[in-house]
Amino acid sequence: SEPPDLKNLSMRLGEFRDFMKFFSTDE
C-alpha cells in the first residue's frame, strides 16, 4: 500500500539503465 524502503534492498535491485550494463555493447 506504500512504496517499499528501497534502502534496505540488496544490491540485486537497480535502475534499468544499470541493468543494461550487465550486457556488452554488442549484446
PDB file of all heavy atoms in Angstrom:
ATOM      1  N   SER A   1       0.809  -1.217   0.000  1.00  0.00           N
ATOM      2  CA  SER A   1       0.000   0.000   0.000  1.00  0.00           C
ATOM      3  C   SER A   1       0.845   1.270   0.000  1.00  0.00           C
ATOM      4  O   SER A   1       0.326   2.362  -0.191  1.00  0.00           O
ATOM      5  CB  SER A   1      -0.953   0.008   1.193  1.00  0.00           C
ATOM      6  OG  SER A   1      -0.218  -0.060   2.397  1.00  0.00           O
ATOM      7  N   GLU A   2       2.140   1.123   0.196  1.00  0.00           N
ATOM      8  CA  GLU A   2       3.050   2.270   0.140  1.00  0.00           C
ATOM      9  C   GLU A   2       4.382   1.798  -0.424  1.00  0.00           C
ATOM     10  O   GLU A   2       4.672   0.599  -0.434  1.00  0.00           O
ATOM     11  CB  GLU A   2       3.223   2.898   1.514  1.00  0.00           C
ATOM     12  CG  GLU A   2       3.721   1.959   2.578  1.00  0.00           C
ATOM     13  CD  GLU A   2       3.702   2.592   3.958  1.00  0.00           C
ATOM     14  OE1 GLU A   2       2.684   3.178   4.337  1.00  0.00           O
ATOM     15  OE2 GLU A   2       4.731   2.495   4.635  1.00  0.00           O
ATOM     16  N   PRO A   3       5.200   2.726  -0.912  1.00  0.00           N
ATOM     17  CA  PRO A   3       6.478   2.313  -1.505  1.00  0.00           C
ATOM     18  C   PRO A   3       7.351   1.575  -0.499  1.00  0.00           C
ATOM     19  O   PRO A   3       7.366   1.927   0.679  1.00  0.00           O
ATOM     20  CB  PRO A   3       7.143   3.631  -1.914  1.00  0.00           C
ATOM     21  CG  PRO A   3       6.060   4.654  -1.895  1.00  0.00           C
ATOM     22  CD  PRO A   3       5.021   4.177  -0.933  1.00  0.00           C
ATOM     23  N   PRO A   4       8.078   0.540  -0.958  1.00  0.00           N
ATOM     24  CA  PRO A   4       8.982  -0.165  -0.040  1.00  0.00           C
ATOM     25  C   PRO A   4      10.183   0.710   0.302  1.00  0.00           C
ATOM     26  O   PRO A   4      10.513   1.640  -0.431  1.00  0.00           O
ATOM     27  CB  PRO A   4       9.412  -1.397  -0.850  1.00  0.00           C
ATOM     28  CG  PRO A   4       9.292  -0.970  -2.261  1.00  0.00           C
ATOM     29  CD  PRO A   4       8.123  -0.012  -2.303  1.00  0.00           C
ATOM     30  N   ASP A   5      10.811   0.412   1.414  1.00  0.00           N
ATOM     31  CA  ASP A   5      12.017   1.115   1.814  1.00  0.00           C
ATOM     32  C   ASP A   5      13.172   0.553   0.999  1.00  0.00           C
ATOM     33  O   ASP A   5      13.721  -0.501   1.308  1.00  0.00           O
ATOM     34  CB  ASP A   5      12.266   0.928   3.305  1.00  0.00           C
ATOM     35  CG  ASP A   5      13.494   1.682   3.795  1.00  0.00           C
ATOM     36  OD1 ASP A   5      14.132   2.409   2.988  1.00  0.00           O
ATOM     37  OD2 ASP A   5      13.818   1.556   4.980  1.00  0.00           O
ATOM     38  N   LEU A   6      13.500   1.254  -0.070  1.00  0.00           N
ATOM     39  CA  LEU A   6      14.498   0.731  -1.017  1.00  0.00           C
ATOM     40  C   LEU A   6      15.912   0.738  -0.444  1.00  0.00           C
ATOM     41  O   LEU A   6      16.779   0.049  -0.954  1.00  0.00           O
ATOM     42  CB  LEU A   6      14.433   1.523  -2.319  1.00  0.00           C
ATOM     43  CG  LEU A   6      13.098   1.410  -3.040  1.00  0.00           C
ATOM     44  CD1 LEU A   6      13.081   2.279  -4.283  1.00  0.00           C
ATOM     45  CD2 LEU A   6      12.788  -0.027  -3.388  1.00  0.00           C
ATOM     46  N   LYS A   7      16.147   1.479   0.608  1.00  0.00           N
ATOM     47  CA  LYS A   7      17.477   1.486   1.208  1.00  0.00           C
ATOM     48  C   LYS A   7      17.826   0.124   1.801  1.00  0.00           C
ATOM     49  O   LYS A   7      18.980  -0.215   1.944  1.00  0.00           O
ATOM     50  CB  LYS A   7      17.566   2.557   2.291  1.00  0.00           C
ATOM     51  CG  LYS A   7      17.570   3.970   1.747  1.00  0.00           C
ATOM     52  CD  LYS A   7      17.665   4.967   2.860  1.00  0.00           C
ATOM     53  CE  LYS A   7      16.234   5.340   3.190  1.00  0.00           C
ATOM     54  NZ  LYS A   7      16.075   6.291   4.248  1.00  0.00           N
ATOM     55  N   ASN A   8      16.800  -0.660   2.142  1.00  0.00           N
ATOM     56  CA  ASN A   8      17.044  -1.960   2.761  1.00  0.00           C
ATOM     57  C   ASN A   8      17.126  -3.104   1.754  1.00  0.00           C
ATOM     58  O   ASN A   8      17.287  -4.250   2.134  1.00  0.00           O
ATOM     59  CB  ASN A   8      15.952  -2.260   3.784  1.00  0.00           C
ATOM     60  CG  ASN A   8      16.035  -1.324   4.963  1.00  0.00           C
ATOM     61  OD1 ASN A   8      17.107  -0.865   5.312  1.00  0.00           O
ATOM     62  ND2 ASN A   8      14.905  -1.021   5.559  1.00  0.00           N
ATOM     63  N   LEU A   9      16.963  -2.799   0.475  1.00  0.00           N
ATOM     64  CA  LEU A   9      17.050  -3.859  -0.532  1.00  0.00           C
ATOM     65  C   LEU A   9      18.505  -4.161  -0.845  1.00  0.00           C
ATOM     66  O   LEU A   9      19.385  -3.315  -0.726  1.00  0.00           O
ATOM     67  CB  LEU A   9      16.325  -3.431  -1.813  1.00  0.00           C
ATOM     68  CG  LEU A   9      14.803  -3.300  -1.701  1.00  0.00           C
ATOM     69  CD1 LEU A   9      14.232  -2.794  -3.008  1.00  0.00           C
ATOM     70  CD2 LEU A   9      14.169  -4.628  -1.325  1.00  0.00           C
ATOM     71  N   SER A  10      18.770  -5.373  -1.281  1.00  0.00           N
ATOM     72  CA  SER A  10      20.134  -5.774  -1.615  1.00  0.00           C
ATOM     73  C   SER A  10      20.586  -5.085  -2.892  1.00  0.00           C
ATOM     74  O   SER A  10      19.820  -4.410  -3.567  1.00  0.00           O
ATOM     75  CB  SER A  10      20.189  -7.287  -1.813  1.00  0.00           C
ATOM     76  OG  SER A  10      19.577  -7.621  -3.049  1.00  0.00           O
ATOM     77  N   MET A  11      21.791  -5.303  -3.239  1.00  0.00           N
ATOM     78  CA  MET A  11      22.329  -4.728  -4.475  1.00  0.00           C
ATOM     79  C   MET A  11      21.877  -5.525  -5.694  1.00  0.00           C
ATOM     80  O   MET A  11      22.443  -5.441  -6.749  1.00  0.00           O
ATOM     81  CB  MET A  11      23.859  -4.655  -4.401  1.00  0.00           C
ATOM     82  CG  MET A  11      24.349  -3.559  -3.472  1.00  0.00           C
ATOM     83  SD  MET A  11      23.593  -1.929  -3.752  1.00  0.00           S
ATOM     84  CE  MET A  11      24.067  -1.563  -5.422  1.00  0.00           C
ATOM     85  N   ARG A  12      20.828  -6.288  -5.541  1.00  0.00           N
ATOM     86  CA  ARG A  12      20.247  -7.004  -6.673  1.00  0.00           C
ATOM     87  C   ARG A  12      19.097  -6.198  -7.264  1.00  0.00           C
ATOM     88  O   ARG A  12      18.314  -6.680  -8.040  1.00  0.00           O
ATOM     89  CB  ARG A  12      19.803  -8.391  -6.240  1.00  0.00           C
ATOM     90  CG  ARG A  12      21.047  -9.230  -5.823  1.00  0.00           C
ATOM     91  CD  ARG A  12      20.762 -10.630  -5.516  1.00  0.00           C
ATOM     92  NE  ARG A  12      19.965 -11.334  -6.477  1.00  0.00           N
ATOM     93  CZ  ARG A  12      20.398 -11.805  -7.654  1.00  0.00           C
ATOM     94  NH1 ARG A  12      21.642 -11.604  -8.031  1.00  0.00           N
ATOM     95  NH2 ARG A  12      19.582 -12.475  -8.439  1.00  0.00           N
ATOM     96  N   LEU A  13      19.026  -4.918  -6.865  1.00  0.00           N
ATOM     97  CA  LEU A  13      17.998  -4.011  -7.356  1.00  0.00           C
ATOM     98  C   LEU A  13      18.678  -2.752  -7.863  1.00  0.00           C
ATOM     99  O   LEU A  13      19.550  -2.201  -7.205  1.00  0.00           O
ATOM    100  CB  LEU A  13      17.025  -3.660  -6.220  1.00  0.00           C
ATOM    101  CG  LEU A  13      15.895  -2.726  -6.542  1.00  0.00           C
ATOM    102  CD1 LEU A  13      14.867  -3.446  -7.414  1.00  0.00           C
ATOM    103  CD2 LEU A  13      15.222  -2.257  -5.259  1.00  0.00           C
ATOM    104  N   GLY A  14      18.290  -2.333  -9.053  1.00  0.00           N
ATOM    105  CA  GLY A  14      18.855  -1.119  -9.625  1.00  0.00           C
ATOM    106  C   GLY A  14      17.941  -0.591 -10.708  1.00  0.00           C
ATOM    107  O   GLY A  14      16.844  -1.094 -10.923  1.00  0.00           O
ATOM    108  N   GLU A  15      18.408   0.433 -11.374  1.00  0.00           N
ATOM    109  CA  GLU A  15      17.632   1.000 -12.475  1.00  0.00           C
ATOM    110  C   GLU A  15      17.893   0.196 -13.742  1.00  0.00           C
ATOM    111  O   GLU A  15      18.927  -0.455 -13.885  1.00  0.00           O
ATOM    112  CB  GLU A  15      18.003   2.464 -12.673  1.00  0.00           C
ATOM    113  CG  GLU A  15      17.593   3.325 -11.488  1.00  0.00           C
ATOM    114  CD  GLU A  15      17.913   4.783 -11.686  1.00  0.00           C
ATOM    115  OE1 GLU A  15      18.255   5.189 -12.823  1.00  0.00           O
ATOM    116  OE2 GLU A  15      17.809   5.533 -10.709  1.00  0.00           O
ATOM    117  N   PHE A  16      16.957   0.270 -14.686  1.00  0.00           N
ATOM    118  CA  PHE A  16      17.084  -0.489 -15.924  1.00  0.00           C
ATOM    119  C   PHE A  16      18.361  -0.113 -16.677  1.00  0.00           C
ATOM    120  O   PHE A  16      19.047  -0.978 -17.211  1.00  0.00           O
ATOM    121  CB  PHE A  16      15.859  -0.274 -16.820  1.00  0.00           C
ATOM    122  CG  PHE A  16      15.928  -1.053 -18.106  1.00  0.00           C
ATOM    123  CD1 PHE A  16      15.770  -2.428 -18.104  1.00  0.00           C
ATOM    124  CD2 PHE A  16      16.170  -0.420 -19.307  1.00  0.00           C
ATOM    125  CE1 PHE A  16      15.850  -3.158 -19.278  1.00  0.00           C
ATOM    126  CE2 PHE A  16      16.248  -1.140 -20.488  1.00  0.00           C
ATOM    127  CZ  PHE A  16      16.084  -2.510 -20.469  1.00  0.00           C
ATOM    128  N   ARG A  17      18.702   1.170 -16.694  1.00  0.00           N
ATOM    129  CA  ARG A  17      19.926   1.572 -17.408  1.00  0.00           C
ATOM    130  C   ARG A  17      21.158   0.901 -16.805  1.00  0.00           C
ATOM    131  O   ARG A  17      22.107   0.580 -17.510  1.00  0.00           O
ATOM    132  CB  ARG A  17      20.061   3.087 -17.428  1.00  0.00           C
ATOM    133  CG  ARG A  17      20.253   3.672 -16.063  1.00  0.00           C
ATOM    134  CD  ARG A  17      20.278   5.171 -16.074  1.00  0.00           C
ATOM    135  NE  ARG A  17      20.309   5.607 -14.695  1.00  0.00           N
ATOM    136  CZ  ARG A  17      20.812   6.718 -14.302  1.00  0.00           C
ATOM    137  NH1 ARG A  17      21.328   7.554 -15.172  1.00  0.00           N
ATOM    138  NH2 ARG A  17      20.798   7.048 -13.034  1.00  0.00           N
ATOM    139  N   ASP A  18      21.142   0.673 -15.490  1.00  0.00           N
ATOM    140  CA  ASP A  18      22.254  -0.041 -14.854  1.00  0.00           C
ATOM    141  C   ASP A  18      22.199  -1.523 -15.180  1.00  0.00           C
ATOM    142  O   ASP A  18      23.242  -2.160 -15.372  1.00  0.00           O
ATOM    143  CB  ASP A  18      22.236   0.168 -13.337  1.00  0.00           C
ATOM    144  CG  ASP A  18      22.522   1.611 -12.959  1.00  0.00           C
ATOM    145  OD1 ASP A  18      23.296   2.274 -13.685  1.00  0.00           O
ATOM    146  OD2 ASP A  18      21.951   2.080 -11.963  1.00  0.00           O
ATOM    147  N   PHE A  19      20.990  -2.096 -15.235  1.00  0.00           N
ATOM    148  CA  PHE A  19      20.844  -3.497 -15.621  1.00  0.00           C
ATOM    149  C   PHE A  19      21.453  -3.730 -16.997  1.00  0.00           C
ATOM    150  O   PHE A  19      22.112  -4.746 -17.227  1.00  0.00           O
ATOM    151  CB  PHE A  19      19.367  -3.899 -15.607  1.00  0.00           C
ATOM    152  CG  PHE A  19      19.113  -5.274 -16.153  1.00  0.00           C
ATOM    153  CD1 PHE A  19      19.505  -6.406 -15.454  1.00  0.00           C
ATOM    154  CD2 PHE A  19      18.496  -5.438 -17.380  1.00  0.00           C
ATOM    155  CE1 PHE A  19      19.274  -7.674 -15.961  1.00  0.00           C
ATOM    156  CE2 PHE A  19      18.260  -6.706 -17.893  1.00  0.00           C
ATOM    157  CZ  PHE A  19      18.651  -7.819 -17.181  1.00  0.00           C
ATOM    158  N   MET A  20      21.250  -2.805 -17.919  1.00  0.00           N
ATOM    159  CA  MET A  20      21.773  -2.969 -19.277  1.00  0.00           C
ATOM    160  C   MET A  20      23.298  -2.994 -19.300  1.00  0.00           C
ATOM    161  O   MET A  20      23.892  -3.491 -20.245  1.00  0.00           O
ATOM    162  CB  MET A  20      21.226  -1.880 -20.212  1.00  0.00           C
ATOM    163  CG  MET A  20      19.738  -2.046 -20.534  1.00  0.00           C
ATOM    164  SD  MET A  20      19.304  -3.673 -21.209  1.00  0.00           S
ATOM    165  CE  MET A  20      20.075  -3.600 -22.817  1.00  0.00           C
ATOM    166  N   LYS A  21      23.942  -2.501 -18.245  1.00  0.00           N
ATOM    167  CA  LYS A  21      25.404  -2.534 -18.169  1.00  0.00           C
ATOM    168  C   LYS A  21      25.937  -3.947 -17.950  1.00  0.00           C
ATOM    169  O   LYS A  21      27.126  -4.193 -18.109  1.00  0.00           O
ATOM    170  CB  LYS A  21      25.901  -1.601 -17.062  1.00  0.00           C
ATOM    171  CG  LYS A  21      25.647  -0.136 -17.371  1.00  0.00           C
ATOM    172  CD  LYS A  21      26.086   0.746 -16.219  1.00  0.00           C
ATOM    173  CE  LYS A  21      25.726   2.193 -16.485  1.00  0.00           C
ATOM    174  NZ  LYS A  21      26.034   3.043 -15.316  1.00  0.00           N
ATOM    175  N   PHE A  22      25.046  -4.897 -17.582  1.00  0.00           N
ATOM    176  CA  PHE A  22      25.453  -6.302 -17.485  1.00  0.00           C
ATOM    177  C   PHE A  22      25.780  -6.863 -18.865  1.00  0.00           C
ATOM    178  O   PHE A  22      26.422  -7.892 -18.982  1.00  0.00           O
ATOM    179  CB  PHE A  22      24.349  -7.162 -16.863  1.00  0.00           C
ATOM    180  CG  PHE A  22      24.243  -7.055 -15.368  1.00  0.00           C
ATOM    181  CD1 PHE A  22      23.226  -6.320 -14.784  1.00  0.00           C
ATOM    182  CD2 PHE A  22      25.154  -7.697 -14.539  1.00  0.00           C
ATOM    183  CE1 PHE A  22      23.110  -6.238 -13.408  1.00  0.00           C
ATOM    184  CE2 PHE A  22      25.045  -7.624 -13.164  1.00  0.00           C
ATOM    185  CZ  PHE A  22      24.028  -6.883 -12.593  1.00  0.00           C
ATOM    186  N   PHE A  23      25.309  -6.210 -19.912  1.00  0.00           N
ATOM    187  CA  PHE A  23      25.469  -6.688 -21.282  1.00  0.00           C
ATOM    188  C   PHE A  23      26.559  -5.904 -21.993  1.00  0.00           C
ATOM    189  O   PHE A  23      26.730  -4.707 -21.767  1.00  0.00           O
ATOM    190  CB  PHE A  23      24.152  -6.518 -22.063  1.00  0.00           C
ATOM    191  CG  PHE A  23      22.993  -7.243 -21.447  1.00  0.00           C
ATOM    192  CD1 PHE A  23      22.142  -6.595 -20.565  1.00  0.00           C
ATOM    193  CD2 PHE A  23      22.748  -8.574 -21.740  1.00  0.00           C
ATOM    194  CE1 PHE A  23      21.069  -7.249 -19.987  1.00  0.00           C
ATOM    195  CE2 PHE A  23      21.672  -9.239 -21.170  1.00  0.00           C
ATOM    196  CZ  PHE A  23      20.835  -8.578 -20.289  1.00  0.00           C
ATOM    197  N   SER A  24      27.269  -6.590 -22.885  1.00  0.00           N
ATOM    198  CA  SER A  24      28.261  -5.900 -23.718  1.00  0.00           C
ATOM    199  C   SER A  24      27.526  -4.990 -24.702  1.00  0.00           C
ATOM    200  O   SER A  24      26.308  -5.123 -24.910  1.00  0.00           O
ATOM    201  CB  SER A  24      29.107  -6.923 -24.492  1.00  0.00           C
ATOM    202  OG  SER A  24      28.299  -7.559 -25.484  1.00  0.00           O
ATOM    203  N   THR A  25      28.262  -4.079 -25.330  1.00  0.00           N
ATOM    204  CA  THR A  25      27.651  -3.196 -26.320  1.00  0.00           C
ATOM    205  C   THR A  25      27.047  -4.003 -27.460  1.00  0.00           C
ATOM    206  O   THR A  25      25.929  -3.714 -27.907  1.00  0.00           O
ATOM    207  CB  THR A  25      28.699  -2.200 -26.873  1.00  0.00           C
ATOM    208  OG1 THR A  25      29.207  -1.435 -25.768  1.00  0.00           O
ATOM    209  CG2 THR A  25      28.095  -1.273 -27.902  1.00  0.00           C
ATOM    210  N   ASP A  26      27.749  -5.047 -27.905  1.00  0.00           N
ATOM    211  CA  ASP A  26      27.210  -5.890 -28.980  1.00  0.00           C
ATOM    212  C   ASP A  26      25.918  -6.593 -28.544  1.00  0.00           C
ATOM    213  O   ASP A  26      24.971  -6.686 -29.316  1.00  0.00           O
ATOM    214  CB  ASP A  26      28.242  -6.936 -29.425  1.00  0.00           C
ATOM    215  CG  ASP A  26      29.384  -6.308 -30.218  1.00  0.00           C
ATOM    216  OD1 ASP A  26      29.223  -5.184 -30.732  1.00  0.00           O
ATOM    217  OD2 ASP A  26      30.440  -6.968 -30.320  1.00  0.00           O
ATOM    218  N   GLU A  27      25.887  -7.073 -27.296  1.00  0.00           N
ATOM    219  CA  GLU A  27      24.671  -7.721 -26.800  1.00  0.00           C
ATOM    220  C   GLU A  27      23.517  -6.715 -26.709  1.00  0.00           C
ATOM    221  O   GLU A  27      22.382  -7.018 -27.083  1.00  0.00           O
ATOM    222  CB  GLU A  27      24.916  -8.347 -25.420  1.00  0.00           C
ATOM    223  CG  GLU A  27      25.774  -9.599 -25.458  1.00  0.00           C
ATOM    224  CD  GLU A  27      26.186 -10.079 -24.079  1.00  0.00           C
ATOM    225  OE1 GLU A  27      26.281  -9.252 -23.131  1.00  0.00           O
ATOM    226  OE2 GLU A  27      26.429 -11.296 -23.935  1.00  0.00           O
TER     227      GLU A  27
END
